[in-house]
């Protein structure tokens, strides 16, 4: 590699590093805009006062613009790291959906490879162990303590393998929801995911579907599913809840998806400190992709409600 090429490579690496930092800073500012929920008099860009009742709408617009800038930084990283031709400066539509599709395709291939290897091995082990126990199912004679212990151990092993297979299949659905969504649709796919979620976590769940919106485009369903999935993970990992409810409804031409728990709730400060653990940035990404609005309503000791609103006509 020539000195000029090496210098160019070093410069591009620096550009990517700066873009990564810029993306995170812009996303953090967008997050903070969404969490401001107590309007107060402020000043506009021209120094004129902004009325308190106008501030939430203004902050929502600012958040959207910041997310657009963050997305452009991420897209530019993607193009540079993958040696792709850059879009023209006049092009407003940066192909975020293509990047999302690429990520989902990679997850799909990974999930199928795991299912064909580890999943098949676990399923075969459960079947063969059950068959062996059935063939040797004659109760041991009285006093045959060693044989009784061995059969009891085989029963425990089968139970553990079955539990492991159930958890593995839940993991596969988390990595790649396309199969369950294509087979059952968004409402049915969420219902089956909640069944697996309840088995894994022991947390009672409820699904309320108050609308019949039919099938949506594949990537739209995946993005909605990802936000609900992330919110459910937060409930299990952080909320200390006793139950969780998922609600699908339609009001005034808007689709609304809510995840509601009765857990310990979150303060704005805690959401900020736990931003990465809570996956809030990922949820904001998907909501922005859907041209929707993501809200987190929470107070300490009063549970949390994550609400995704999508303008139905734009789908």
Protein backbone atom coordinates (compact mmCIF):
# COMPACT_ATOMS: atom_id res chain seq x y z
CA UNK A 1 0.00 0.00 0.00
CA UNK A 2 1.37 3.42 -1.00
CA UNK A 3 1.91 6.23 1.49
CA UNK A 4 -1.01 8.16 -0.04
CA UNK A 5 -3.35 5.17 0.26
CA UNK A 6 -2.27 4.54 3.86
CA UNK A 7 -2.88 8.19 4.72
CA UNK A 8 -6.32 8.01 3.12
CA UNK A 9 -7.17 4.87 5.11
CA UNK A 10 -6.09 6.54 8.35
CA UNK A 11 -8.16 9.61 7.52
CA UNK A 12 -11.26 7.50 6.78
CA UNK A 13 -10.79 5.67 10.09
CA UNK A 14 -10.72 9.03 11.88
CA UNK A 15 -13.88 10.10 10.02
CA UNK A 16 -15.69 6.95 11.13
CA UNK A 17 -14.59 7.48 14.74
CA UNK A 18 -15.85 11.08 14.73
CA UNK A 19 -19.12 10.02 13.09
CA UNK A 20 -19.67 7.36 15.75
CA UNK A 21 -19.19 9.92 18.53
CA UNK A 22 -21.44 12.41 16.72
CA UNK A 23 -24.18 9.82 16.26
CA UNK A 24 -24.19 8.98 19.98
CA UNK A 25 -24.21 12.64 21.05
CA UNK A 26 -27.09 13.52 18.72
CA UNK A 27 -29.06 10.48 19.83
CA UNK A 28 -28.54 11.43 23.47
CA UNK A 29 -29.82 14.95 22.82
CA UNK A 30 -32.85 13.50 21.02
CA UNK A 31 -33.52 11.23 23.99
CA UNK A 32 -33.33 14.13 26.42
CA UNK A 33 -35.79 16.08 24.28
CA UNK A 34 -38.31 13.23 24.59
CA UNK A 35 -37.94 13.09 28.37
CA UNK A 36 -38.70 16.75 29.00
CA UNK A 37 -42.28 16.58 30.27
CA UNK A 38 -42.69 19.75 32.31
CA UNK A 39 -43.15 22.71 29.93
CA UNK A 40 -41.89 26.10 31.00
CA UNK A 41 -41.44 29.40 29.21
CA UNK A 42 -38.41 29.37 26.96
CA UNK A 43 -37.01 31.31 24.04
CA UNK A 44 -37.03 30.43 20.37
CA UNK A 45 -34.15 30.58 17.93
CA UNK A 46 -34.95 34.23 17.22
CA UNK A 47 -34.81 35.12 20.92
CA UNK A 48 -38.60 35.41 21.20
CA UNK A 49 -40.45 33.69 23.99
CA UNK A 50 -41.97 30.28 23.27
CA UNK A 51 -45.28 29.75 25.02
CA UNK A 52 -45.25 26.93 27.56
CA UNK A 53 -48.01 25.01 25.79
CA UNK A 54 -45.99 25.04 22.53
CA UNK A 55 -42.80 23.67 24.06
CA UNK A 56 -43.63 19.91 24.00
CA UNK A 57 -44.46 20.07 20.27
CA UNK A 58 -41.28 22.07 19.63
CA UNK A 59 -39.15 19.58 21.56
CA UNK A 60 -40.74 16.70 19.65
CA UNK A 61 -39.75 18.34 16.36
CA UNK A 62 -36.24 19.05 17.63
CA UNK A 63 -35.90 15.43 18.70
CA UNK A 64 -36.93 14.29 15.22
CA UNK A 65 -34.38 16.58 13.55
CA UNK A 66 -31.62 15.40 15.88
CA UNK A 67 -32.49 11.79 15.09
CA UNK A 68 -32.36 12.56 11.37
CA UNK A 69 -28.85 13.99 11.80
CA UNK A 70 -27.83 11.00 13.92
CA UNK A 71 -29.19 8.66 11.26
CA UNK A 72 -27.21 10.42 8.55
CA UNK A 73 -24.06 10.00 10.64
CA UNK A 74 -24.80 6.28 11.03
CA UNK A 75 -25.52 5.87 7.32
CA UNK A 76 -22.30 7.63 6.36
CA UNK A 77 -20.41 5.25 8.68
CA UNK A 78 -22.12 2.32 6.96
CA UNK A 79 -21.16 3.53 3.49
CA UNK A 80 -17.54 4.22 4.43
CA UNK A 81 -17.00 0.98 6.35
CA UNK A 82 -18.49 -1.10 3.52
CA UNK A 83 -16.74 0.82 0.71
CA UNK A 84 -20.04 1.79 -0.93
CA UNK A 85 -20.73 4.70 -3.24
CA UNK A 86 -22.07 7.64 -1.26
CA UNK A 87 -25.50 9.08 -2.09
CA UNK A 88 -25.61 12.56 -3.55
CA UNK A 89 -25.89 15.54 -1.21
CA UNK A 90 -29.25 16.38 -2.78
CA UNK A 91 -30.68 12.96 -1.97
CA UNK A 92 -32.99 13.28 1.04
CA UNK A 93 -33.90 9.61 1.28
CA UNK A 94 -31.06 7.72 2.93
CA UNK A 95 -31.84 3.99 2.61
CA UNK A 96 -32.25 3.18 6.31
CA UNK A 97 -34.72 0.47 5.45
CA UNK A 98 -32.04 -1.30 3.39
CA UNK A 99 -29.64 -1.29 6.32
CA UNK A 100 -32.37 -2.63 8.60
CA UNK A 101 -33.22 -5.34 6.06
CA UNK A 102 -29.54 -6.29 5.86
CA UNK A 103 -29.31 -6.58 9.65
CA UNK A 104 -32.48 -8.66 9.84
CA UNK A 105 -31.26 -10.96 7.05
CA UNK A 106 -28.02 -11.56 8.95
CA UNK A 107 -30.02 -12.42 12.08
CA UNK A 108 -32.26 -14.72 10.06
CA UNK A 109 -29.27 -16.64 8.65
CA UNK A 110 -27.73 -16.90 12.13
CA UNK A 111 -31.00 -18.12 13.67
CA UNK A 112 -31.49 -20.76 10.99
CA UNK A 113 -27.92 -21.97 11.32
CA UNK A 114 -28.36 -22.31 15.09
CA UNK A 115 -31.72 -24.05 14.66
CA UNK A 116 -30.24 -26.53 12.17
CA UNK A 117 -27.29 -27.32 14.45
CA UNK A 118 -27.80 -26.79 18.18
CA UNK A 119 -31.59 -26.85 17.98
CA UNK A 120 -31.62 -30.14 16.11
CA UNK A 121 -29.10 -31.69 18.51
CA UNK A 122 -31.22 -30.72 21.54
CA UNK A 123 -34.41 -32.01 19.92
CA UNK A 124 -32.75 -35.32 19.01
CA UNK A 125 -31.33 -35.69 22.53
CA UNK A 126 -34.77 -35.16 24.09
CA UNK A 127 -36.37 -37.67 21.72
CA UNK A 128 -33.71 -40.34 22.17
CA UNK A 129 -33.72 -39.98 25.96
CA UNK A 130 -37.52 -40.21 26.09
CA UNK A 131 -37.41 -43.32 23.87
CA UNK A 132 -34.78 -44.96 26.07
CA UNK A 133 -36.79 -44.25 29.22
CA UNK A 134 -39.89 -45.70 27.60
CA UNK A 135 -38.06 -48.87 26.57
CA UNK A 136 -36.57 -49.30 30.03
CA UNK A 137 -39.67 -48.13 31.84
CA UNK A 138 -40.21 -51.29 33.90
CA UNK A 139 -40.14 -50.22 37.57
CA UNK A 140 -37.02 -51.49 39.35
CA UNK A 141 -37.48 -54.31 41.87
CA UNK A 142 -37.74 -53.37 45.51
CA UNK A 143 -34.36 -52.66 47.01
CA UNK A 144 -32.69 -51.83 43.67
CA UNK A 145 -31.69 -48.40 44.86
CA UNK A 146 -28.94 -47.86 42.24
CA UNK A 147 -31.27 -48.58 39.34
CA UNK A 148 -33.97 -46.35 40.79
CA UNK A 149 -31.46 -43.54 41.21
CA UNK A 150 -30.29 -43.96 37.60
CA UNK A 151 -33.84 -43.78 36.24
CA UNK A 152 -34.54 -40.73 38.38
CA UNK A 153 -31.39 -39.08 37.04
CA UNK A 154 -32.47 -39.78 33.46
CA UNK A 155 -35.85 -38.21 34.16
CA UNK A 156 -34.19 -35.09 35.58
CA UNK A 157 -31.85 -34.93 32.57
CA UNK A 158 -34.76 -35.16 30.14
CA UNK A 159 -36.58 -32.38 31.98
CA UNK A 160 -33.51 -30.12 31.85
CA UNK A 161 -33.03 -30.80 28.13
CA UNK A 162 -36.68 -30.03 27.43
CA UNK A 163 -36.38 -26.78 29.38
CA UNK A 164 -33.19 -25.92 27.51
CA UNK A 165 -34.90 -26.60 24.18
CA UNK A 166 -37.81 -24.32 25.14
CA UNK A 167 -35.44 -21.50 26.11
CA UNK A 168 -33.42 -22.04 22.94
CA UNK A 169 -36.52 -21.70 20.77
CA UNK A 170 -37.46 -18.51 22.64
CA UNK A 171 -33.97 -17.19 21.91
CA UNK A 172 -34.35 -18.07 18.22
CA UNK A 173 -37.63 -16.14 18.06
CA UNK A 174 -35.90 -13.15 19.68
CA UNK A 175 -33.09 -13.24 17.14
CA UNK A 176 -35.33 -13.86 14.13
CA UNK A 177 -39.08 -13.14 14.48
CA UNK A 178 -39.71 -13.38 10.72
CA UNK A 179 -40.98 -16.96 10.82
CA UNK A 180 -43.52 -16.44 13.59
CA UNK A 181 -44.64 -13.13 12.05
CA UNK A 182 -45.04 -14.59 8.56
CA UNK A 183 -47.01 -17.55 9.91
CA UNK A 184 -49.28 -15.76 12.37
CA UNK A 185 -49.15 -12.03 11.60
CA UNK A 186 -48.21 -9.32 14.07
CA UNK A 187 -50.98 -9.94 16.61
CA UNK A 188 -50.60 -13.72 16.54
CA UNK A 189 -46.81 -13.48 16.55
CA UNK A 190 -46.85 -11.26 19.65
CA UNK A 191 -49.29 -13.68 21.33
CA UNK A 192 -46.96 -16.62 20.76
CA UNK A 193 -43.94 -14.60 21.85
CA UNK A 194 -45.73 -13.70 25.09
CA UNK A 195 -46.48 -17.39 25.69
CA UNK A 196 -42.75 -18.17 25.42
CA UNK A 197 -41.89 -15.07 27.46
CA UNK A 198 -44.20 -16.17 30.28
CA UNK A 199 -42.72 -19.68 30.32
CA UNK A 200 -39.18 -18.29 30.48
CA UNK A 201 -39.72 -15.49 33.01
CA UNK A 202 -42.66 -16.77 35.07
CA UNK A 203 -44.17 -13.30 34.69
CA UNK A 204 -47.94 -13.28 33.95
CA UNK A 205 -48.74 -11.60 30.62
CA UNK A 206 -51.86 -10.32 28.93
CA UNK A 207 -52.49 -9.31 25.32
CA UNK A 208 -55.32 -6.98 24.35
CA UNK A 209 -56.02 -6.43 20.64
CA UNK A 210 -58.61 -3.69 20.21
CA UNK A 211 -58.30 -3.33 16.45
CA UNK A 212 -58.15 -5.37 13.26
CA UNK A 213 -55.55 -3.72 11.06
CA UNK A 214 -54.64 -6.84 9.05
CA UNK A 215 -51.18 -7.55 7.71
CA UNK A 216 -48.56 -4.83 7.47
CA UNK A 217 -45.40 -4.79 5.32
CA UNK A 218 -42.82 -7.26 6.62
CA UNK A 219 -40.25 -4.70 7.76
CA UNK A 220 -42.94 -2.62 9.47
CA UNK A 221 -44.08 -5.65 11.47
CA UNK A 222 -40.48 -6.50 12.39
CA UNK A 223 -39.76 -2.95 13.58
CA UNK A 224 -42.92 -2.89 15.74
CA UNK A 225 -42.08 -6.34 17.12
CA UNK A 226 -38.53 -5.21 17.98
CA UNK A 227 -39.79 -2.25 20.03
CA UNK A 228 -42.26 -4.45 21.94
CA UNK A 229 -39.55 -7.06 22.44
CA UNK A 230 -37.11 -4.49 23.84
CA UNK A 231 -39.76 -3.10 26.19
CA UNK A 232 -40.58 -6.61 27.46
CA UNK A 233 -36.88 -7.28 28.07
CA UNK A 234 -36.75 -4.11 30.16
CA UNK A 235 -39.71 -5.27 32.24
CA UNK A 236 -38.02 -8.59 33.01
CA UNK A 237 -34.55 -7.17 33.64
CA UNK A 238 -35.34 -3.96 35.51
CA UNK A 239 -38.97 -3.43 36.52
CA UNK A 240 -39.51 -6.05 39.27
CA UNK A 241 -43.08 -6.26 38.00
CA UNK A 242 -45.74 -8.82 38.89
CA UNK A 243 -47.48 -8.63 35.51
CA UNK A 244 -47.14 -7.05 32.08
CA UNK A 245 -49.72 -6.20 29.43
CA UNK A 246 -49.35 -5.53 25.70
CA UNK A 247 -52.09 -3.49 24.03
CA UNK A 248 -52.70 -3.05 20.29
CA UNK A 249 -55.28 -0.44 19.30
CA UNK A 250 -56.22 2.12 16.67
CA UNK A 251 -57.50 5.62 17.34
CA UNK A 252 -58.08 8.45 14.85
CA UNK A 253 -56.04 6.82 12.10
CA UNK A 254 -53.13 6.06 14.40
CA UNK A 255 -51.92 2.61 15.40
CA UNK A 256 -50.81 2.45 19.01
CA UNK A 257 -48.80 -0.28 20.68
CA UNK A 258 -48.32 -0.17 24.45
CA UNK A 259 -46.32 -2.26 26.92
CA UNK A 260 -47.55 -1.66 30.46
CA UNK A 261 -46.10 -3.06 33.68
CA UNK A 262 -46.83 -2.58 37.38
CA UNK A 263 -43.17 -2.53 38.41
CA UNK A 264 -41.00 -0.10 40.31
CA UNK A 265 -41.07 2.58 37.61
CA UNK A 266 -38.29 4.85 36.44
CA UNK A 267 -37.30 8.45 36.97
CA UNK A 268 -36.01 10.50 34.04
CA UNK A 269 -32.56 10.45 35.62
CA UNK A 270 -32.56 6.67 35.86
CA UNK A 271 -33.64 6.32 32.25
CA UNK A 272 -30.74 8.56 31.26
CA UNK A 273 -28.17 6.67 33.31
CA UNK A 274 -29.46 3.30 32.04
CA UNK A 275 -29.88 4.34 28.42
CA UNK A 276 -27.74 1.58 26.97
CA UNK A 277 -29.08 -1.16 29.22
CA UNK A 278 -32.65 -0.13 28.51
CA UNK A 279 -32.13 -0.26 24.74
CA UNK A 280 -33.87 3.11 24.46
CA UNK A 281 -31.66 4.16 21.56
CA UNK A 282 -32.68 1.07 19.57
CA UNK A 283 -36.37 1.71 20.26
CA UNK A 284 -35.99 5.33 19.13
CA UNK A 285 -34.26 4.14 15.95
CA UNK A 286 -37.11 1.82 15.06
CA UNK A 287 -39.77 4.40 15.97
CA UNK A 288 -38.09 6.98 13.75
CA UNK A 289 -37.89 4.46 10.93
CA UNK A 290 -41.66 3.98 11.27
CA UNK A 291 -42.20 7.77 11.27
CA UNK A 292 -43.82 7.23 14.64
CA UNK A 293 -43.59 8.59 18.14
CA UNK A 294 -42.17 6.76 21.14
CA UNK A 295 -43.15 7.81 24.66
CA UNK A 296 -42.08 6.42 28.02
CA UNK A 297 -44.46 7.32 30.83
CA UNK A 298 -43.15 6.27 34.22
CA UNK A 299 -42.91 7.31 37.84
CA UNK A 300 -41.07 5.57 40.66
CA UNK A 301 -43.27 2.88 42.29
CA UNK A 302 -46.03 3.41 39.71
CA UNK A 303 -44.93 1.19 36.84
CA UNK A 304 -43.97 2.07 33.28
CA UNK A 305 -45.92 2.47 30.05
CA UNK A 306 -44.01 2.38 26.74
CA UNK A 307 -46.20 3.71 23.91
CA UNK A 308 -45.44 3.55 20.19
CA UNK A 309 -47.78 5.58 17.97
CA UNK A 310 -47.68 5.21 14.18
CA UNK A 311 -49.66 7.20 11.62
CA UNK A 312 -51.59 4.40 9.91
CA UNK A 313 -52.07 6.12 6.52
CA UNK A 314 -48.30 6.48 6.07
CA UNK A 315 -47.78 2.71 6.25
